[in-house]
Amino acid sequence: MGEAELVRRAKDGDMAAFEQLISNYQMKIYHIAYHMLSNEQDAEDAAQEAMIKAYRYLGSFKEESGFYTWIYRITHNICLDMLRRRKRSLTHETDLVKKDQDGQEAELQIVDAKPQPEEQLMRQQVQNEMQNAIAELKENYRVVLVMRDIEGMSYDDIAAVLEISAGTVKSRLNRARENLRKIVVKKYQHLLE
C-alpha cells in the first residue's frame, strides 16, 4: 500500500494506517530532532510530540507535499520551540549548574561507565565533535545542513519544509559547509601544524 493510500485511510480513522505511516518515518523524525537539539531525551520528547501533532492535525494535511515533508515541518517547528525555550532558561540553568551547595563553582562531569572498544570510542568522539561543531552553526545554516547532508532530503523538499526557494537552500548549504569547515579547522589547527 502506497503512502497516499495510507494517508487517505488514516484520515478516515484507520489507526493501523496511521501507525504504518509513523512506523515508516519514526527513526527519521527522531534523527531530525536529535540533530537539532543535540540531546537524546529532548529528541525523544520532540519526536513523540511530532507524532501526536501529526495524528491530531492529520485532517488538515492537504497532501500538496509528501507526508514526510509535512511531518518533518512539524518536527522542525517543535524543535525550534524547544530551542527558544532552552535559550530563555539558559541563564537560570547555567547558574544552577555552576554552583555547588556551598556556593563554590562545581565542575560537571558525565561519565560513561560502559567499557567500549577503542575504535568505537574514537568514532563516538568524532561524532560528538562533529555534532558540537554543527551546533555552533547559525540556526538557518544548521537546519539546511542537517536536512541535506544528514537526512538526505532533496533541495525541493527542504525548500518546501522551510518555505524558501531552492536557490536559498543551496546558498545556505554552501555557507553552512564553509562555516563548518572553518569551525573544524579552528578547533583542530594545532593538530595540522
C-alpha atoms as a PDB file:
ATOM      1  CA  MET A   1       0.000   0.000   0.000  1.00  0.00           C
ATOM      2  CA  GLY A   2       1.412   3.387  -1.022  1.00  0.00           C
ATOM      3  CA  GLU A   3       1.822   6.458   1.140  1.00  0.00           C
ATOM      4  CA  ALA A   4      -1.139   8.294  -0.448  1.00  0.00           C
ATOM      5  CA  GLU A   5      -3.439   5.357   0.326  1.00  0.00           C
ATOM      6  CA  LEU A   6      -2.129   5.133   3.896  1.00  0.00           C
ATOM      7  CA  VAL A   7      -2.785   8.859   4.357  1.00  0.00           C
ATOM      8  CA  ARG A   8      -6.309   8.536   2.936  1.00  0.00           C
ATOM      9  CA  ARG A   9      -7.092   5.604   5.228  1.00  0.00           C
ATOM     10  CA  ALA A  10      -5.553   7.321   8.256  1.00  0.00           C
ATOM     11  CA  LYS A  11      -7.687  10.400   7.571  1.00  0.00           C
ATOM     12  CA  ASP A  12     -10.727   8.093   7.513  1.00  0.00           C
ATOM     13  CA  GLY A  13      -9.816   6.917  11.033  1.00  0.00           C
ATOM     14  CA  ASP A  14      -7.829   3.769  10.225  1.00  0.00           C
ATOM     15  CA  MET A  15      -5.383   3.679  13.149  1.00  0.00           C
ATOM     16  CA  ALA A  16      -3.350   0.842  11.585  1.00  0.00           C
ATOM     17  CA  ALA A  17      -2.727   3.014   8.510  1.00  0.00           C
ATOM     18  CA  PHE A  18      -1.546   5.922  10.685  1.00  0.00           C
ATOM     19  CA  GLU A  19       0.698   3.597  12.685  1.00  0.00           C
ATOM     20  CA  GLN A  20       2.222   2.353   9.420  1.00  0.00           C
ATOM     21  CA  LEU A  21       2.895   5.944   8.292  1.00  0.00           C
ATOM     22  CA  ILE A  22       4.582   6.745  11.592  1.00  0.00           C
ATOM     23  CA  SER A  23       6.499   3.479  11.545  1.00  0.00           C
ATOM     24  CA  ASN A  24       7.907   4.408   8.130  1.00  0.00           C
ATOM     25  CA  TYR A  25       9.350   7.673   9.445  1.00  0.00           C
ATOM     26  CA  GLN A  26       9.796   7.196  13.196  1.00  0.00           C
ATOM     27  CA  MET A  27      13.593   6.940  13.165  1.00  0.00           C
ATOM     28  CA  LYS A  28      13.961   9.827  10.720  1.00  0.00           C
ATOM     29  CA  ILE A  29      11.782  12.009  12.947  1.00  0.00           C
ATOM     30  CA  TYR A  30      13.977  11.154  15.929  1.00  0.00           C
ATOM     31  CA  HIS A  31      17.185  11.877  13.978  1.00  0.00           C
ATOM     32  CA  ILE A  32      15.845  15.246  12.834  1.00  0.00           C
ATOM     33  CA  ALA A  33      15.104  16.170  16.438  1.00  0.00           C
ATOM     34  CA  TYR A  34      18.426  14.838  17.733  1.00  0.00           C
ATOM     35  CA  HIS A  35      20.457  16.785  15.190  1.00  0.00           C
ATOM     36  CA  MET A  36      18.596  19.973  16.003  1.00  0.00           C
ATOM     37  CA  LEU A  37      18.537  19.566  19.789  1.00  0.00           C
ATOM     38  CA  SER A  38      21.769  17.608  20.459  1.00  0.00           C
ATOM     39  CA  ASN A  39      20.128  15.782  23.347  1.00  0.00           C
ATOM     40  CA  GLU A  40      18.644  12.275  23.320  1.00  0.00           C
ATOM     41  CA  GLN A  41      15.857  12.911  25.832  1.00  0.00           C
ATOM     42  CA  ASP A  42      14.795  16.176  24.188  1.00  0.00           C
ATOM     43  CA  ALA A  43      14.876  14.454  20.791  1.00  0.00           C
ATOM     44  CA  GLU A  44      12.639  11.648  22.073  1.00  0.00           C
ATOM     45  CA  ASP A  45      10.231  14.204  23.545  1.00  0.00           C
ATOM     46  CA  ALA A  46      10.165  16.225  20.322  1.00  0.00           C
ATOM     47  CA  ALA A  47       9.641  13.126  18.166  1.00  0.00           C
ATOM     48  CA  GLN A  48       6.794  11.969  20.412  1.00  0.00           C
ATOM     49  CA  GLU A  49       5.182  15.406  20.282  1.00  0.00           C
ATOM     50  CA  ALA A  50       5.542  15.472  16.482  1.00  0.00           C
ATOM     51  CA  MET A  51       3.763  12.138  16.150  1.00  0.00           C
ATOM     52  CA  ILE A  52       0.957  13.285  18.439  1.00  0.00           C
ATOM     53  CA  LYS A  53       0.538  16.526  16.475  1.00  0.00           C
ATOM     54  CA  ALA A  54       0.592  14.632  13.191  1.00  0.00           C
ATOM     55  CA  TYR A  55      -2.241  12.438  14.450  1.00  0.00           C
ATOM     56  CA  ARG A  56      -4.192  15.367  15.854  1.00  0.00           C
ATOM     57  CA  TYR A  57      -3.871  17.512  12.708  1.00  0.00           C
ATOM     58  CA  LEU A  58      -3.878  14.808  10.028  1.00  0.00           C
ATOM     59  CA  GLY A  59      -7.214  16.124   8.775  1.00  0.00           C
ATOM     60  CA  SER A  60      -5.549  19.429   7.870  1.00  0.00           C
ATOM     61  CA  PHE A  61      -2.799  17.726   5.814  1.00  0.00           C
ATOM     62  CA  LYS A  62      -3.506  18.938   2.260  1.00  0.00           C
ATOM     63  CA  GLU A  63      -1.272  16.370   0.540  1.00  0.00           C
ATOM     64  CA  GLU A  64       0.369  19.054  -1.621  1.00  0.00           C
ATOM     65  CA  SER A  65       3.689  17.616  -0.468  1.00  0.00           C
ATOM     66  CA  GLY A  66       4.652  14.203   0.836  1.00  0.00           C
ATOM     67  CA  PHE A  67       3.731  13.045   4.324  1.00  0.00           C
ATOM     68  CA  TYR A  68       7.417  13.017   5.288  1.00  0.00           C
ATOM     69  CA  THR A  69       7.823  16.665   4.280  1.00  0.00           C
ATOM     70  CA  TRP A  70       4.746  17.563   6.326  1.00  0.00           C
ATOM     71  CA  ILE A  71       5.830  15.678   9.465  1.00  0.00           C
ATOM     72  CA  TYR A  72       9.383  16.990   9.027  1.00  0.00           C
ATOM     73  CA  ARG A  73       7.971  20.522   9.147  1.00  0.00           C
ATOM     74  CA  ILE A  74       6.032  19.676  12.319  1.00  0.00           C
ATOM     75  CA  THR A  75       9.162  18.215  13.935  1.00  0.00           C
ATOM     76  CA  HIS A  76      11.272  21.174  12.837  1.00  0.00           C
ATOM     77  CA  ASN A  77       8.818  23.651  14.385  1.00  0.00           C
ATOM     78  CA  ILE A  78       8.629  21.701  17.657  1.00  0.00           C
ATOM     79  CA  CYS A  79      12.435  21.679  17.862  1.00  0.00           C
ATOM     80  CA  LEU A  80      12.600  25.412  17.188  1.00  0.00           C
ATOM     81  CA  ASP A  81      10.130  25.998  20.017  1.00  0.00           C
ATOM     82  CA  MET A  82      12.210  23.820  22.340  1.00  0.00           C
ATOM     83  CA  LEU A  83      15.394  25.681  21.371  1.00  0.00           C
ATOM     84  CA  ARG A  84      13.701  29.024  22.079  1.00  0.00           C
ATOM     85  CA  ARG A  85      12.532  27.799  25.493  1.00  0.00           C
ATOM     86  CA  ARG A  86      16.008  26.423  26.192  1.00  0.00           C
ATOM     87  CA  LYS A  87      17.590  29.757  25.266  1.00  0.00           C
ATOM     88  CA  ARG A  88      15.258  31.667  27.611  1.00  0.00           C
ATOM     89  CA  SER A  89      16.039  29.425  30.561  1.00  0.00           C
ATOM     90  CA  LEU A  90      19.762  29.086  29.808  1.00  0.00           C
ATOM     91  CA  THR A  91      20.885  31.851  32.169  1.00  0.00           C
ATOM     92  CA  HIS A  92      19.000  30.392  35.115  1.00  0.00           C
ATOM     93  CA  GLU A  93      20.150  26.826  34.421  1.00  0.00           C
ATOM     94  CA  THR A  94      23.772  27.928  33.996  1.00  0.00           C
ATOM     95  CA  ASP A  95      23.724  29.487  37.456  1.00  0.00           C
ATOM     96  CA  LEU A  96      22.358  26.255  38.950  1.00  0.00           C
ATOM     97  CA  VAL A  97      24.922  24.046  37.224  1.00  0.00           C
ATOM     98  CA  LYS A  98      27.957  26.129  38.063  1.00  0.00           C
ATOM     99  CA  LYS A  99      27.374  26.385  41.830  1.00  0.00           C
ATOM    100  CA  ASP A 100      27.502  23.553  44.334  1.00  0.00           C
ATOM    101  CA  GLN A 101      25.797  23.516  47.754  1.00  0.00           C
ATOM    102  CA  ASP A 102      28.462  25.744  49.299  1.00  0.00           C
ATOM    103  CA  GLY A 103      28.202  28.304  46.531  1.00  0.00           C
ATOM    104  CA  GLN A 104      31.535  27.170  45.087  1.00  0.00           C
ATOM    105  CA  GLU A 105      31.960  26.555  41.400  1.00  0.00           C
ATOM    106  CA  ALA A 106      31.499  22.896  40.564  1.00  0.00           C
ATOM    107  CA  GLU A 107      32.648  21.021  37.502  1.00  0.00           C
ATOM    108  CA  LEU A 108      30.002  18.902  35.800  1.00  0.00           C
ATOM    109  CA  GLN A 109      31.359  15.559  34.680  1.00  0.00           C
ATOM    110  CA  ILE A 110      29.439  12.979  32.715  1.00  0.00           C
ATOM    111  CA  VAL A 111      30.980   9.554  32.865  1.00  0.00           C
ATOM    112  CA  ASP A 112      30.004   6.618  30.682  1.00  0.00           C
ATOM    113  CA  ALA A 113      30.532   3.557  32.859  1.00  0.00           C
ATOM    114  CA  LYS A 114      30.260   1.082  29.976  1.00  0.00           C
ATOM    115  CA  PRO A 115      33.610  -0.099  28.628  1.00  0.00           C
ATOM    116  CA  GLN A 116      33.845   0.255  24.837  1.00  0.00           C
ATOM    117  CA  PRO A 117      36.393  -0.857  22.287  1.00  0.00           C
ATOM    118  CA  GLU A 118      38.910   1.823  21.339  1.00  0.00           C
ATOM    119  CA  GLU A 119      37.701   2.091  17.746  1.00  0.00           C
ATOM    120  CA  GLN A 120      34.103   2.569  18.811  1.00  0.00           C
ATOM    121  CA  LEU A 121      35.172   5.189  21.327  1.00  0.00           C
ATOM    122  CA  MET A 122      37.150   7.106  18.705  1.00  0.00           C
ATOM    123  CA  ARG A 123      34.194   7.009  16.313  1.00  0.00           C
ATOM    124  CA  GLN A 124      31.887   8.303  19.030  1.00  0.00           C
ATOM    125  CA  GLN A 125      34.311  11.111  19.869  1.00  0.00           C
ATOM    126  CA  VAL A 126      34.467  12.177  16.243  1.00  0.00           C
ATOM    127  CA  GLN A 127      30.660  12.093  16.010  1.00  0.00           C
ATOM    128  CA  ASN A 128      30.370  14.149  19.186  1.00  0.00           C
ATOM    129  CA  GLU A 129      32.899  16.690  17.941  1.00  0.00           C
ATOM    130  CA  MET A 130      31.075  16.985  14.628  1.00  0.00           C
ATOM    131  CA  GLN A 131      27.743  17.344  16.446  1.00  0.00           C
ATOM    132  CA  ASN A 132      29.286  20.095  18.595  1.00  0.00           C
ATOM    133  CA  ALA A 133      30.702  21.816  15.524  1.00  0.00           C
ATOM    134  CA  ILE A 134      27.328  21.608  13.760  1.00  0.00           C
ATOM    135  CA  ALA A 135      25.663  23.022  16.876  1.00  0.00           C
ATOM    136  CA  GLU A 136      27.906  26.104  16.589  1.00  0.00           C
ATOM    137  CA  LEU A 137      26.436  26.985  13.189  1.00  0.00           C
ATOM    138  CA  LYS A 138      23.737  29.626  12.933  1.00  0.00           C
ATOM    139  CA  GLU A 139      20.323  28.001  13.126  1.00  0.00           C
ATOM    140  CA  ASN A 140      19.324  28.644   9.496  1.00  0.00           C
ATOM    141  CA  TYR A 141      22.605  27.094   8.288  1.00  0.00           C
ATOM    142  CA  ARG A 142      22.460  24.174  10.710  1.00  0.00           C
ATOM    143  CA  VAL A 143      18.938  23.248   9.651  1.00  0.00           C
ATOM    144  CA  VAL A 144      19.709  23.007   5.920  1.00  0.00           C
ATOM    145  CA  LEU A 145      22.966  21.151   6.595  1.00  0.00           C
ATOM    146  CA  VAL A 146      21.192  18.539   8.705  1.00  0.00           C
ATOM    147  CA  MET A 147      18.311  18.199   6.263  1.00  0.00           C
ATOM    148  CA  ARG A 148      20.554  17.765   3.219  1.00  0.00           C
ATOM    149  CA  ASP A 149      23.766  16.116   4.415  1.00  0.00           C
ATOM    150  CA  ILE A 150      22.463  14.029   7.298  1.00  0.00           C
ATOM    151  CA  GLU A 151      18.834  13.328   6.411  1.00  0.00           C
ATOM    152  CA  GLY A 152      19.480  13.238   2.656  1.00  0.00           C
ATOM    153  CA  MET A 153      16.484  15.379   1.722  1.00  0.00           C
ATOM    154  CA  SER A 154      16.233  16.895  -1.750  1.00  0.00           C
ATOM    155  CA  TYR A 155      16.650  20.628  -2.282  1.00  0.00           C
ATOM    156  CA  ASP A 156      12.980  20.885  -3.277  1.00  0.00           C
ATOM    157  CA  ASP A 157      11.784  19.091  -0.134  1.00  0.00           C
ATOM    158  CA  ILE A 158      13.969  21.301   2.054  1.00  0.00           C
ATOM    159  CA  ALA A 159      12.623  24.376   0.282  1.00  0.00           C
ATOM    160  CA  ALA A 160       9.052  23.177   0.873  1.00  0.00           C
ATOM    161  CA  VAL A 161       9.635  22.451   4.559  1.00  0.00           C
ATOM    162  CA  LEU A 162      11.390  25.759   5.241  1.00  0.00           C
ATOM    163  CA  GLU A 163       9.178  27.740   2.863  1.00  0.00           C
ATOM    164  CA  ILE A 164      12.143  29.232   0.998  1.00  0.00           C
ATOM    165  CA  SER A 165      13.402  28.878  -2.572  1.00  0.00           C
ATOM    166  CA  ALA A 166      15.646  26.010  -3.677  1.00  0.00           C
ATOM    167  CA  GLY A 167      18.282  28.635  -4.560  1.00  0.00           C
ATOM    168  CA  THR A 168      18.226  29.917  -0.981  1.00  0.00           C
ATOM    169  CA  VAL A 169      18.602  26.336   0.250  1.00  0.00           C
ATOM    170  CA  LYS A 170      21.693  25.850  -1.928  1.00  0.00           C
ATOM    171  CA  SER A 171      23.159  29.170  -0.836  1.00  0.00           C
ATOM    172  CA  ARG A 172      22.626  28.441   2.864  1.00  0.00           C
ATOM    173  CA  LEU A 173      24.008  24.938   2.442  1.00  0.00           C
ATOM    174  CA  ASN A 174      27.199  26.255   0.841  1.00  0.00           C
ATOM    175  CA  ARG A 175      27.627  28.786   3.647  1.00  0.00           C
ATOM    176  CA  ALA A 176      26.890  26.130   6.254  1.00  0.00           C
ATOM    177  CA  ARG A 177      29.523  23.788   4.840  1.00  0.00           C
ATOM    178  CA  GLU A 178      32.102  26.573   4.621  1.00  0.00           C
ATOM    179  CA  ASN A 179      31.387  27.735   8.177  1.00  0.00           C
ATOM    180  CA  LEU A 180      31.538  24.156   9.440  1.00  0.00           C
ATOM    181  CA  ARG A 181      34.898  23.693   7.737  1.00  0.00           C
ATOM    182  CA  LYS A 182      36.191  26.872   9.426  1.00  0.00           C
ATOM    183  CA  ILE A 183      34.953  25.721  12.836  1.00  0.00           C
ATOM    184  CA  VAL A 184      36.606  22.325  12.493  1.00  0.00           C
ATOM    185  CA  VAL A 185      39.878  23.790  11.191  1.00  0.00           C
ATOM    186  CA  LYS A 186      39.954  26.327  14.032  1.00  0.00           C
ATOM    187  CA  LYS A 187      39.362  23.632  16.667  1.00  0.00           C
ATOM    188  CA  TYR A 188      41.981  21.278  15.275  1.00  0.00           C
ATOM    189  CA  GLN A 189      44.527  23.647  13.750  1.00  0.00           C
ATOM    190  CA  HIS A 190      47.089  22.599  16.371  1.00  0.00           C
ATOM    191  CA  LEU A 191      46.926  19.048  15.008  1.00  0.00           C
ATOM    192  CA  LEU A 192      47.523  20.258  11.464  1.00  0.00           C
ATOM    193  CA  GLU A 193      50.714  22.145  12.340  1.00  0.00           C
END
